[in-house]
Amino acid sequence: MREKLRKARLSRGLRQEDVAKKIGVSTRMYQHLETGSRNGKIEYWDALEDLFDIPQRTLRSIKV
């Protein structure tokens, strides 16, 4: 689980569907990104970094 990505989304009061729409991916793809089951394209992470103003290296980290 990418807990920092999830917390960033929740701190903005956004649903997974909202984030998916803002970065131009399907809700299911965003769910994969958030759970860590897929890495996704660099463009997705660039968009998430811009949306949350958090470095993508931080957002991509997976809680172990």
Protein backbone atom coordinates (compact mmCIF):
# COMPACT_ATOMS: atom_id res chain seq x y z
CA MET A 1 0.00 0.00 0.00
CA ARG A 2 1.29 3.44 -0.91
CA GLU A 3 0.15 5.02 2.33
CA LYS A 4 1.62 8.47 1.59
CA LEU A 5 -0.26 8.65 -1.71
CA ARG A 6 -3.48 7.61 0.04
CA LYS A 7 -2.96 10.15 2.83
CA ALA A 8 -2.25 12.93 0.32
CA ARG A 9 -5.53 12.14 -1.43
CA LEU A 10 -7.52 12.00 1.77
CA SER A 11 -5.99 15.21 3.13
CA ARG A 12 -7.40 17.01 0.09
CA GLY A 13 -10.81 15.42 0.58
CA LEU A 14 -10.63 13.63 -2.76
CA ARG A 15 -12.04 10.28 -3.78
CA GLN A 16 -10.03 7.88 -5.90
CA GLU A 17 -12.34 8.73 -8.80
CA ASP A 18 -11.54 12.43 -8.40
CA VAL A 19 -7.78 11.89 -8.54
CA ALA A 20 -8.09 9.53 -11.50
CA LYS A 21 -10.02 12.14 -13.46
CA LYS A 22 -7.56 14.91 -12.58
CA ILE A 23 -4.55 12.90 -13.80
CA GLY A 24 -6.31 11.36 -16.81
CA VAL A 25 -6.45 7.67 -15.89
CA SER A 26 -9.20 5.21 -15.11
CA THR A 27 -10.30 4.82 -11.52
CA ARG A 28 -9.06 1.22 -11.62
CA MET A 29 -5.59 2.33 -12.76
CA TYR A 30 -5.42 4.86 -9.94
CA GLN A 31 -6.45 2.16 -7.48
CA HIS A 32 -3.55 0.03 -8.74
CA LEU A 33 -1.17 2.96 -8.23
CA GLU A 34 -2.42 3.55 -4.70
CA THR A 35 -2.26 -0.08 -3.66
CA GLY A 36 1.16 -0.52 -5.23
CA SER A 37 0.08 -3.41 -7.46
CA ARG A 38 1.24 -1.43 -10.53
CA ASN A 39 3.86 1.24 -11.00
CA GLY A 40 2.24 3.12 -13.87
CA LYS A 41 3.77 5.55 -16.34
CA ILE A 42 6.07 8.36 -15.31
CA GLU A 43 3.46 10.79 -16.65
CA TYR A 44 1.02 9.61 -13.98
CA TRP A 45 3.56 10.28 -11.25
CA ASP A 46 4.42 13.68 -12.71
CA ALA A 47 0.72 14.58 -12.58
CA LEU A 48 0.36 13.27 -9.01
CA GLU A 49 3.42 15.23 -7.92
CA ASP A 50 1.90 18.40 -9.40
CA LEU A 51 -1.53 17.70 -7.92
CA PHE A 52 -0.35 17.05 -4.38
CA ASP A 53 2.84 19.16 -4.42
CA ILE A 54 4.74 16.22 -2.94
CA PRO A 55 7.82 14.68 -4.60
CA GLN A 56 6.90 11.55 -6.52
CA ARG A 57 9.69 9.65 -4.80
CA THR A 58 7.75 10.18 -1.57
CA LEU A 59 4.40 9.31 -3.13
CA ARG A 60 5.75 6.15 -4.75
CA SER A 61 7.17 4.67 -1.58
CA ILE A 62 5.46 1.47 -0.50
CA LYS A 63 4.88 0.82 3.17
CA VAL A 64 6.44 -2.47 4.12
